[in-house]
Amino acid sequence: MKLERIVIAIDFSDRSFAAAQWVTRHFAPKAEIVLVHVLEIAPPPRFLRTRASAPEGDIETCRAVARAQLHQLGAHIGRGPIAKEVRVGRTHEEVL
């Protein structure tokens, strides 16, 4: 079986970094790699739902930090172009 693209979900733990490195070096060294991190924003408690929401500025700040960390990981892996995605939503849905 030839793998052309592998999506690796990253939660910025040491284990996810190690898994990404292992996959890129041993599992499919010629496949296109896509590193994905999902920002899962918890809903506010019921009593605050009409008064509170996640400020877009905060989400964009988190997205920028996640992009920078994915860029560092991609540079550390050190092989060809690696696509990086930062998404907002439910993790299992966004990774799929």
PDB file of N, CA and C in Angstrom:
ATOM      1  N   MET A   1       0.850  -1.171   0.000  1.00  0.00           N
ATOM      2  CA  MET A   1       0.000   0.000   0.000  1.00  0.00           C
ATOM      3  C   MET A   1       0.898   1.236   0.000  1.00  0.00           C
ATOM      4  N   LYS A   2       0.637   2.133  -0.929  1.00  0.00           N
ATOM      5  CA  LYS A   2       1.396   3.372  -1.021  1.00  0.00           C
ATOM      6  C   LYS A   2       0.578   4.498  -0.413  1.00  0.00           C
ATOM      7  N   LEU A   3       1.150   5.159   0.562  1.00  0.00           N
ATOM      8  CA  LEU A   3       0.480   6.285   1.199  1.00  0.00           C
ATOM      9  C   LEU A   3       0.979   7.571   0.571  1.00  0.00           C
ATOM     10  N   GLU A   4       0.048   8.384   0.093  1.00  0.00           N
ATOM     11  CA  GLU A   4       0.423   9.636  -0.549  1.00  0.00           C
ATOM     12  C   GLU A   4       0.317  10.826   0.392  1.00  0.00           C
ATOM     13  N   ARG A   5      -0.584  10.756   1.363  1.00  0.00           N
ATOM     14  CA  ARG A   5      -0.780  11.868   2.295  1.00  0.00           C
ATOM     15  C   ARG A   5      -1.115  11.296   3.667  1.00  0.00           C
ATOM     16  N   ILE A   6      -0.477  11.876   4.687  1.00  0.00           N
ATOM     17  CA  ILE A   6      -0.753  11.461   6.066  1.00  0.00           C
ATOM     18  C   ILE A   6      -1.089  12.701   6.874  1.00  0.00           C
ATOM     19  N   VAL A   7      -2.217  12.655   7.565  1.00  0.00           N
ATOM     20  CA  VAL A   7      -2.637  13.737   8.448  1.00  0.00           C
ATOM     21  C   VAL A   7      -2.264  13.342   9.872  1.00  0.00           C
ATOM     22  N   ILE A   8      -1.538  14.222  10.543  1.00  0.00           N
ATOM     23  CA  ILE A   8      -1.102  13.954  11.916  1.00  0.00           C
ATOM     24  C   ILE A   8      -1.689  15.028  12.819  1.00  0.00           C
ATOM     25  N   ALA A   9      -2.537  14.611  13.750  1.00  0.00           N
ATOM     26  CA  ALA A   9      -3.121  15.548  14.711  1.00  0.00           C
ATOM     27  C   ALA A   9      -2.096  15.826  15.802  1.00  0.00           C
ATOM     28  N   ILE A  10      -1.898  17.096  16.094  1.00  0.00           N
ATOM     29  CA  ILE A  10      -0.898  17.526  17.068  1.00  0.00           C
ATOM     30  C   ILE A  10      -1.596  18.256  18.211  1.00  0.00           C
ATOM     31  N   ASP A  11      -1.328  17.820  19.444  1.00  0.00           N
ATOM     32  CA  ASP A  11      -1.879  18.525  20.602  1.00  0.00           C
ATOM     33  C   ASP A  11      -0.774  19.231  21.393  1.00  0.00           C
ATOM     34  N   PHE A  12       0.413  19.276  20.825  1.00  0.00           N
ATOM     35  CA  PHE A  12       1.593  19.925  21.393  1.00  0.00           C
ATOM     36  C   PHE A  12       2.136  19.221  22.625  1.00  0.00           C
ATOM     37  N   SER A  13       1.773  17.972  22.816  1.00  0.00           N
ATOM     38  CA  SER A  13       2.388  17.178  23.882  1.00  0.00           C
ATOM     39  C   SER A  13       3.662  16.548  23.330  1.00  0.00           C
ATOM     40  N   ASP A  14       4.544  16.119  24.221  1.00  0.00           N
ATOM     41  CA  ASP A  14       5.769  15.457  23.782  1.00  0.00           C
ATOM     42  C   ASP A  14       5.453  14.199  22.980  1.00  0.00           C
ATOM     43  N   ARG A  15       4.392  13.498  23.365  1.00  0.00           N
ATOM     44  CA  ARG A  15       4.023  12.271  22.655  1.00  0.00           C
ATOM     45  C   ARG A  15       3.568  12.554  21.226  1.00  0.00           C
ATOM     46  N   SER A  16       2.816  13.636  21.027  1.00  0.00           N
ATOM     47  CA  SER A  16       2.386  13.922  19.661  1.00  0.00           C
ATOM     48  C   SER A  16       3.570  14.363  18.804  1.00  0.00           C
ATOM     49  N   PHE A  17       4.530  15.083  19.386  1.00  0.00           N
ATOM     50  CA  PHE A  17       5.740  15.450  18.646  1.00  0.00           C
ATOM     51  C   PHE A  17       6.515  14.191  18.245  1.00  0.00           C
ATOM     52  N   ALA A  18       6.685  13.283  19.202  1.00  0.00           N
ATOM     53  CA  ALA A  18       7.421  12.049  18.930  1.00  0.00           C
ATOM     54  C   ALA A  18       6.713  11.222  17.853  1.00  0.00           C
ATOM     55  N   ALA A  19       5.399  11.154  17.924  1.00  0.00           N
ATOM     56  CA  ALA A  19       4.638  10.401  16.926  1.00  0.00           C
ATOM     57  C   ALA A  19       4.798  11.016  15.542  1.00  0.00           C
ATOM     58  N   ALA A  20       4.736  12.329  15.453  1.00  0.00           N
ATOM     59  CA  ALA A  20       4.894  13.005  14.164  1.00  0.00           C
ATOM     60  C   ALA A  20       6.282  12.734  13.580  1.00  0.00           C
ATOM     61  N   GLN A  21       7.296  12.806  14.413  1.00  0.00           N
ATOM     62  CA  GLN A  21       8.657  12.531  13.937  1.00  0.00           C
ATOM     63  C   GLN A  21       8.797  11.092  13.474  1.00  0.00           C
ATOM     64  N   TRP A  22       8.252  10.151  14.236  1.00  0.00           N
ATOM     65  CA  TRP A  22       8.363   8.746  13.876  1.00  0.00           C
ATOM     66  C   TRP A  22       7.652   8.466  12.550  1.00  0.00           C
ATOM     67  N   VAL A  23       6.444   8.976  12.418  1.00  0.00           N
ATOM     68  CA  VAL A  23       5.674   8.746  11.185  1.00  0.00           C
ATOM     69  C   VAL A  23       6.411   9.296   9.976  1.00  0.00           C
ATOM     70  N   THR A  24       6.925  10.506  10.087  1.00  0.00           N
ATOM     71  CA  THR A  24       7.580  11.119   8.936  1.00  0.00           C
ATOM     72  C   THR A  24       8.894  10.437   8.565  1.00  0.00           C
ATOM     73  N   ARG A  25       9.547   9.837   9.524  1.00  0.00           N
ATOM     74  CA  ARG A  25      10.831   9.191   9.231  1.00  0.00           C
ATOM     75  C   ARG A  25      10.714   7.723   8.874  1.00  0.00           C
ATOM     76  N   HIS A  26       9.775   6.997   9.495  1.00  0.00           N
ATOM     77  CA  HIS A  26       9.761   5.549   9.363  1.00  0.00           C
ATOM     78  C   HIS A  26       8.544   4.978   8.640  1.00  0.00           C
ATOM     79  N   PHE A  27       7.416   5.604   8.799  1.00  0.00           N
ATOM     80  CA  PHE A  27       6.191   5.003   8.291  1.00  0.00           C
ATOM     81  C   PHE A  27       5.977   5.288   6.812  1.00  0.00           C
ATOM     82  N   ALA A  28       6.105   6.515   6.423  1.00  0.00           N
ATOM     83  CA  ALA A  28       5.901   6.888   5.021  1.00  0.00           C
ATOM     84  C   ALA A  28       6.787   8.077   4.689  1.00  0.00           C
ATOM     85  N   PRO A  29       8.075   7.838   4.506  1.00  0.00           N
ATOM     86  CA  PRO A  29       9.004   8.952   4.330  1.00  0.00           C
ATOM     87  C   PRO A  29       8.780   9.787   3.064  1.00  0.00           C
ATOM     88  N   LYS A  30       8.044   9.273   2.095  1.00  0.00           N
ATOM     89  CA  LYS A  30       7.818  10.040   0.866  1.00  0.00           C
ATOM     90  C   LYS A  30       6.416  10.626   0.774  1.00  0.00           C
ATOM     91  N   ALA A  31       5.591  10.386   1.769  1.00  0.00           N
ATOM     92  CA  ALA A  31       4.211  10.881   1.739  1.00  0.00           C
ATOM     93  C   ALA A  31       4.153  12.369   2.074  1.00  0.00           C
ATOM     94  N   GLU A  32       3.117  13.028   1.560  1.00  0.00           N
ATOM     95  CA  GLU A  32       2.860  14.411   1.944  1.00  0.00           C
ATOM     96  C   GLU A  32       2.371  14.400   3.391  1.00  0.00           C
ATOM     97  N   ILE A  33       2.903  15.287   4.214  1.00  0.00           N
ATOM     98  CA  ILE A  33       2.538  15.349   5.625  1.00  0.00           C
ATOM     99  C   ILE A  33       1.699  16.596   5.879  1.00  0.00           C
ATOM    100  N   VAL A  34       0.613  16.411   6.625  1.00  0.00           N
ATOM    101  CA  VAL A  34      -0.234  17.530   7.034  1.00  0.00           C
ATOM    102  C   VAL A  34      -0.322  17.490   8.557  1.00  0.00           C
ATOM    103  N   LEU A  35       0.207  18.516   9.209  1.00  0.00           N
ATOM    104  CA  LEU A  35       0.110  18.639  10.664  1.00  0.00           C
ATOM    105  C   LEU A  35      -1.135  19.459  10.978  1.00  0.00           C
ATOM    106  N   VAL A  36      -1.994  18.936  11.855  1.00  0.00           N
ATOM    107  CA  VAL A  36      -3.252  19.609  12.178  1.00  0.00           C
ATOM    108  C   VAL A  36      -3.364  19.802  13.684  1.00  0.00           C
ATOM    109  N   HIS A  37      -3.727  21.025  14.075  1.00  0.00           N
ATOM    110  CA  HIS A  37      -4.061  21.306  15.472  1.00  0.00           C
ATOM    111  C   HIS A  37      -5.450  21.920  15.483  1.00  0.00           C
ATOM    112  N   VAL A  38      -6.280  21.478  16.423  1.00  0.00           N
ATOM    113  CA  VAL A  38      -7.646  21.984  16.509  1.00  0.00           C
ATOM    114  C   VAL A  38      -7.825  22.749  17.818  1.00  0.00           C
ATOM    115  N   LEU A  39      -8.345  23.961  17.681  1.00  0.00           N
ATOM    116  CA  LEU A  39      -8.713  24.759  18.850  1.00  0.00           C
ATOM    117  C   LEU A  39     -10.168  24.430  19.161  1.00  0.00           C
ATOM    118  N   GLU A  40     -10.369  23.732  20.248  1.00  0.00           N
ATOM    119  CA  GLU A  40     -11.731  23.378  20.649  1.00  0.00           C
ATOM    120  C   GLU A  40     -12.136  24.336  21.765  1.00  0.00           C
ATOM    121  N   ILE A  41     -12.999  25.270  21.424  1.00  0.00           N
ATOM    122  CA  ILE A  41     -13.421  26.299  22.359  1.00  0.00           C
ATOM    123  C   ILE A  41     -14.612  25.772  23.174  1.00  0.00           C
ATOM    124  N   ALA A  42     -14.414  25.713  24.479  1.00  0.00           N
ATOM    125  CA  ALA A  42     -15.486  25.226  25.354  1.00  0.00           C
ATOM    126  C   ALA A  42     -16.624  26.239  25.394  1.00  0.00           C
ATOM    127  N   PRO A  43     -17.860  25.758  25.336  1.00  0.00           N
ATOM    128  CA  PRO A  43     -18.978  26.694  25.425  1.00  0.00           C
ATOM    129  C   PRO A  43     -19.074  27.275  26.830  1.00  0.00           C
ATOM    130  N   PRO A  44     -19.558  28.494  26.943  1.00  0.00           N
ATOM    131  CA  PRO A  44     -19.707  29.079  28.274  1.00  0.00           C
ATOM    132  C   PRO A  44     -20.809  28.350  29.050  1.00  0.00           C
ATOM    133  N   PRO A  45     -20.799  28.437  30.375  1.00  0.00           N
ATOM    134  CA  PRO A  45     -21.852  27.817  31.166  1.00  0.00           C
ATOM    135  C   PRO A  45     -23.209  28.419  30.789  1.00  0.00           C
ATOM    136  N   ARG A  46     -24.246  27.662  31.005  1.00  0.00           N
ATOM    137  CA  ARG A  46     -25.598  28.101  30.611  1.00  0.00           C
ATOM    138  C   ARG A  46     -25.957  29.491  31.118  1.00  0.00           C
ATOM    139  N   PHE A  47     -25.604  29.762  32.364  1.00  0.00           N
ATOM    140  CA  PHE A  47     -26.009  31.048  32.936  1.00  0.00           C
ATOM    141  C   PHE A  47     -25.267  32.229  32.312  1.00  0.00           C
ATOM    142  N   LEU A  48     -24.215  31.968  31.546  1.00  0.00           N
ATOM    143  CA  LEU A  48     -23.482  33.054  30.897  1.00  0.00           C
ATOM    144  C   LEU A  48     -23.662  33.091  29.375  1.00  0.00           C
ATOM    145  N   ARG A  49     -24.388  32.156  28.811  1.00  0.00           N
ATOM    146  CA  ARG A  49     -24.463  32.050  27.355  1.00  0.00           C
ATOM    147  C   ARG A  49     -24.998  33.296  26.670  1.00  0.00           C
ATOM    148  N   THR A  50     -25.889  34.004  27.296  1.00  0.00           N
ATOM    149  CA  THR A  50     -26.417  35.210  26.657  1.00  0.00           C
ATOM    150  C   THR A  50     -25.494  36.403  26.844  1.00  0.00           C
ATOM    151  N   ARG A  51     -24.536  36.287  27.768  1.00  0.00           N
ATOM    152  CA  ARG A  51     -23.654  37.425  28.078  1.00  0.00           C
ATOM    153  C   ARG A  51     -22.216  37.239  27.631  1.00  0.00           C
ATOM    154  N   ALA A  52     -21.796  36.013  27.445  1.00  0.00           N
ATOM    155  CA  ALA A  52     -20.385  35.766  27.155  1.00  0.00           C
ATOM    156  C   ALA A  52     -20.237  34.993  25.850  1.00  0.00           C
ATOM    157  N   SER A  53     -19.190  35.308  25.148  1.00  0.00           N
ATOM    158  CA  SER A  53     -18.805  34.546  23.966  1.00  0.00           C
ATOM    159  C   SER A  53     -17.286  34.630  23.848  1.00  0.00           C
ATOM    160  N   ALA A  54     -16.728  33.734  23.070  1.00  0.00           N
ATOM    161  CA  ALA A  54     -15.275  33.752  22.894  1.00  0.00           C
ATOM    162  C   ALA A  54     -14.908  34.919  21.986  1.00  0.00           C
ATOM    163  N   PRO A  55     -14.168  35.886  22.481  1.00  0.00           N
ATOM    164  CA  PRO A  55     -13.766  37.019  21.648  1.00  0.00           C
ATOM    165  C   PRO A  55     -12.920  36.554  20.464  1.00  0.00           C
ATOM    166  N   GLU A  56     -13.245  37.047  19.283  1.00  0.00           N
ATOM    167  CA  GLU A  56     -12.514  36.660  18.075  1.00  0.00           C
ATOM    168  C   GLU A  56     -11.023  36.950  18.198  1.00  0.00           C
ATOM    169  N   GLY A  57     -10.677  38.028  18.878  1.00  0.00           N
ATOM    170  CA  GLY A  57      -9.266  38.361  19.051  1.00  0.00           C
ATOM    171  C   GLY A  57      -8.512  37.282  19.805  1.00  0.00           C
ATOM    172  N   ASP A  58      -9.152  36.714  20.826  1.00  0.00           N
ATOM    173  CA  ASP A  58      -8.523  35.640  21.594  1.00  0.00           C
ATOM    174  C   ASP A  58      -8.322  34.399  20.730  1.00  0.00           C
ATOM    175  N   ILE A  59      -9.327  34.082  19.924  1.00  0.00           N
ATOM    176  CA  ILE A  59      -9.226  32.912  19.046  1.00  0.00           C
ATOM    177  C   ILE A  59      -8.104  33.119  18.032  1.00  0.00           C
ATOM    178  N   GLU A  60      -8.007  34.314  17.466  1.00  0.00           N
ATOM    179  CA  GLU A  60      -6.948  34.590  16.487  1.00  0.00           C
ATOM    180  C   GLU A  60      -5.566  34.548  17.130  1.00  0.00           C
ATOM    181  N   THR A  61      -5.460  34.993  18.381  1.00  0.00           N
ATOM    182  CA  THR A  61      -4.182  34.908  19.088  1.00  0.00           C
ATOM    183  C   THR A  61      -3.787  33.448  19.284  1.00  0.00           C
ATOM    184  N   CYS A  62      -4.731  32.626  19.718  1.00  0.00           N
ATOM    185  CA  CYS A  62      -4.464  31.193  19.897  1.00  0.00           C
ATOM    186  C   CYS A  62      -4.092  30.541  18.570  1.00  0.00           C
ATOM    187  N   ARG A  63      -4.790  30.933  17.508  1.00  0.00           N
ATOM    188  CA  ARG A  63      -4.500  30.386  16.173  1.00  0.00           C
ATOM    189  C   ARG A  63      -3.069  30.753  15.740  1.00  0.00           C
ATOM    190  N   ALA A  64      -2.661  31.989  15.984  1.00  0.00           N
ATOM    191  CA  ALA A  64      -1.318  32.434  15.607  1.00  0.00           C
ATOM    192  C   ALA A  64      -0.243  31.672  16.387  1.00  0.00           C
ATOM    193  N   VAL A  65      -0.474  31.469  17.674  1.00  0.00           N
ATOM    194  CA  VAL A  65       0.482  30.715  18.499  1.00  0.00           C
ATOM    195  C   VAL A  65       0.579  29.280  18.006  1.00  0.00           C
ATOM    196  N   ALA A  66      -0.570  28.667  17.707  1.00  0.00           N
ATOM    197  CA  ALA A  66      -0.575  27.288  17.218  1.00  0.00           C
ATOM    198  C   ALA A  66       0.147  27.185  15.874  1.00  0.00           C
ATOM    199  N   ARG A  67      -0.075  28.150  14.984  1.00  0.00           N
ATOM    200  CA  ARG A  67       0.633  28.141  13.691  1.00  0.00           C
ATOM    201  C   ARG A  67       2.148  28.210  13.896  1.00  0.00           C
ATOM    202  N   ALA A  68       2.576  29.069  14.802  1.00  0.00           N
ATOM    203  CA  ALA A  68       4.013  29.201  15.066  1.00  0.00           C
ATOM    204  C   ALA A  68       4.589  27.896  15.609  1.00  0.00           C
ATOM    205  N   GLN A  69       3.862  27.249  16.498  1.00  0.00           N
ATOM    206  CA  GLN A  69       4.345  25.989  17.063  1.00  0.00           C
ATOM    207  C   GLN A  69       4.383  24.890  16.006  1.00  0.00           C
ATOM    208  N   LEU A  70       3.375  24.848  15.120  1.00  0.00           N
ATOM    209  CA  LEU A  70       3.398  23.870  14.036  1.00  0.00           C
ATOM    210  C   LEU A  70       4.560  24.140  13.089  1.00  0.00           C
ATOM    211  N   HIS A  71       4.845  25.412  12.843  1.00  0.00           N
ATOM    212  CA  HIS A  71       5.969  25.769  11.982  1.00  0.00           C
ATOM    213  C   HIS A  71       7.284  25.275  12.594  1.00  0.00           C
ATOM    214  N   GLN A  72       7.445  25.463  13.900  1.00  0.00           N
ATOM    215  CA  GLN A  72       8.650  24.990  14.590  1.00  0.00           C
ATOM    216  C   GLN A  72       8.765  23.469  14.501  1.00  0.00           C
ATOM    217  N   LEU A  73       7.651  22.776  14.697  1.00  0.00           N
ATOM    218  CA  LEU A  73       7.673  21.319  14.609  1.00  0.00           C
ATOM    219  C   LEU A  73       8.047  20.886  13.198  1.00  0.00           C
ATOM    220  N   GLY A  74       7.454  21.528  12.204  1.00  0.00           N
ATOM    221  CA  GLY A  74       7.780  21.195  10.821  1.00  0.00           C
ATOM    222  C   GLY A  74       9.255  21.405  10.522  1.00  0.00           C
ATOM    223  N   ALA A  75       9.824  22.487  11.033  1.00  0.00           N
ATOM    224  CA  ALA A  75      11.254  22.753  10.842  1.00  0.00           C
ATOM    225  C   ALA A  75      12.101  21.703  11.559  1.00  0.00           C
ATOM    226  N   HIS A  76      11.655  21.277  12.724  1.00  0.00           N
ATOM    227  CA  HIS A  76      12.389  20.267  13.498  1.00  0.00           C
ATOM    228  C   HIS A  76      12.357  18.911  12.792  1.00  0.00           C
ATOM    229  N   ILE A  77      11.223  18.584  12.189  1.00  0.00           N
ATOM    230  CA  ILE A  77      11.116  17.316  11.458  1.00  0.00           C
ATOM    231  C   ILE A  77      12.094  17.334  10.296  1.00  0.00           C
ATOM    232  N   GLY A  78      12.199  18.488   9.638  1.00  0.00           N
ATOM    233  CA  GLY A  78      13.232  18.705   8.649  1.00  0.00           C
ATOM    234  C   GLY A  78      13.160  17.888   7.383  1.00  0.00           C
ATOM    235  N   ARG A  79      12.013  17.733   6.819  1.00  0.00           N
ATOM    236  CA  ARG A  79      11.933  17.065   5.522  1.00  0.00           C
ATOM    237  C   ARG A  79      10.936  17.814   4.659  1.00  0.00           C
ATOM    238  N   GLY A  80      11.226  17.955   3.412  1.00  0.00           N
ATOM    239  CA  GLY A  80      10.334  18.554   2.425  1.00  0.00           C
ATOM    240  C   GLY A  80       9.241  19.452   2.966  1.00  0.00           C
ATOM    241  N   PRO A  81       8.376  19.908   2.096  1.00  0.00           N
ATOM    242  CA  PRO A  81       7.272  20.756   2.539  1.00  0.00           C
ATOM    243  C   PRO A  81       6.285  19.976   3.407  1.00  0.00           C
ATOM    244  N   ILE A  82       5.883  20.605   4.477  1.00  0.00           N
ATOM    245  CA  ILE A  82       4.899  20.020   5.385  1.00  0.00           C
ATOM    246  C   ILE A  82       3.768  21.027   5.517  1.00  0.00           C
ATOM    247  N   ALA A  83       2.555  20.593   5.188  1.00  0.00           N
ATOM    248  CA  ALA A  83       1.393  21.475   5.315  1.00  0.00           C
ATOM    249  C   ALA A  83       1.008  21.580   6.783  1.00  0.00           C
ATOM    250  N   LYS A  84       0.514  22.752   7.158  1.00  0.00           N
ATOM    251  CA  LYS A  84       0.105  22.984   8.545  1.00  0.00           C
ATOM    252  C   LYS A  84      -1.285  23.577   8.546  1.00  0.00           C
ATOM    253  N   GLU A  85      -2.162  23.021   9.386  1.00  0.00           N
ATOM    254  CA  GLU A  85      -3.542  23.492   9.481  1.00  0.00           C
ATOM    255  C   GLU A  85      -3.893  23.752  10.936  1.00  0.00           C
ATOM    256  N   VAL A  86      -4.507  24.888  11.194  1.00  0.00           N
ATOM    257  CA  VAL A  86      -5.062  25.179  12.515  1.00  0.00           C
ATOM    258  C   VAL A  86      -6.541  25.430  12.283  1.00  0.00           C
ATOM    259  N   ARG A  87      -7.369  24.630  12.944  1.00  0.00           N
ATOM    260  CA  ARG A  87      -8.809  24.736  12.756  1.00  0.00           C
ATOM    261  C   ARG A  87      -9.492  24.991  14.092  1.00  0.00           C
ATOM    262  N   VAL A  88     -10.707  25.483  14.019  1.00  0.00           N
ATOM    263  CA  VAL A  88     -11.517  25.732  15.213  1.00  0.00           C
ATOM    264  C   VAL A  88     -12.761  24.870  15.107  1.00  0.00           C
ATOM    265  N   GLY A  89     -13.050  24.107  16.152  1.00  0.00           N
ATOM    266  CA  GLY A  89     -14.241  23.256  16.150  1.00  0.00           C
ATOM    267  C   GLY A  89     -14.056  22.080  17.077  1.00  0.00           C
ATOM    268  N   ARG A  90     -14.837  21.057  16.825  1.00  0.00           N
ATOM    269  CA  ARG A  90     -14.713  19.819  17.600  1.00  0.00           C
ATOM    270  C   ARG A  90     -13.568  19.010  17.012  1.00  0.00           C
ATOM    271  N   THR A  91     -12.662  18.607  17.865  1.00  0.00           N
ATOM    272  CA  THR A  91     -11.423  18.002  17.401  1.00  0.00           C
ATOM    273  C   THR A  91     -11.653  16.818  16.467  1.00  0.00           C
ATOM    274  N   HIS A  92     -12.477  15.876  16.881  1.00  0.00           N
ATOM    275  CA  HIS A  92     -12.650  14.668  16.056  1.00  0.00           C
ATOM    276  C   HIS A  92     -13.261  14.996  14.697  1.00  0.00           C
ATOM    277  N   GLU A  93     -14.115  15.998  14.628  1.00  0.00           N
ATOM    278  CA  GLU A  93     -14.706  16.375  13.348  1.00  0.00           C
ATOM    279  C   GLU A  93     -13.700  17.098  12.459  1.00  0.00           C
ATOM    280  N   GLU A  94     -12.930  17.989  13.035  1.00  0.00           N
ATOM    281  CA  GLU A  94     -11.978  18.780  12.245  1.00  0.00           C
ATOM    282  C   GLU A  94     -10.817  17.955  11.723  1.00  0.00           C
ATOM    283  N   VAL A  95     -10.363  16.983  12.504  1.00  0.00           N
ATOM    284  CA  VAL A  95      -9.267  16.131  12.039  1.00  0.00           C
ATOM    285  C   VAL A  95      -9.740  15.282  10.864  1.00  0.00           C
ATOM    286  N   LEU A  96     -10.959  14.784  10.956  1.00  0.00           N
ATOM    287  CA  LEU A  96     -11.484  14.002   9.823  1.00  0.00           C
ATOM    288  C   LEU A  96     -11.629  14.867   8.605  1.00  0.00           C
TER     289      LEU A  96
END
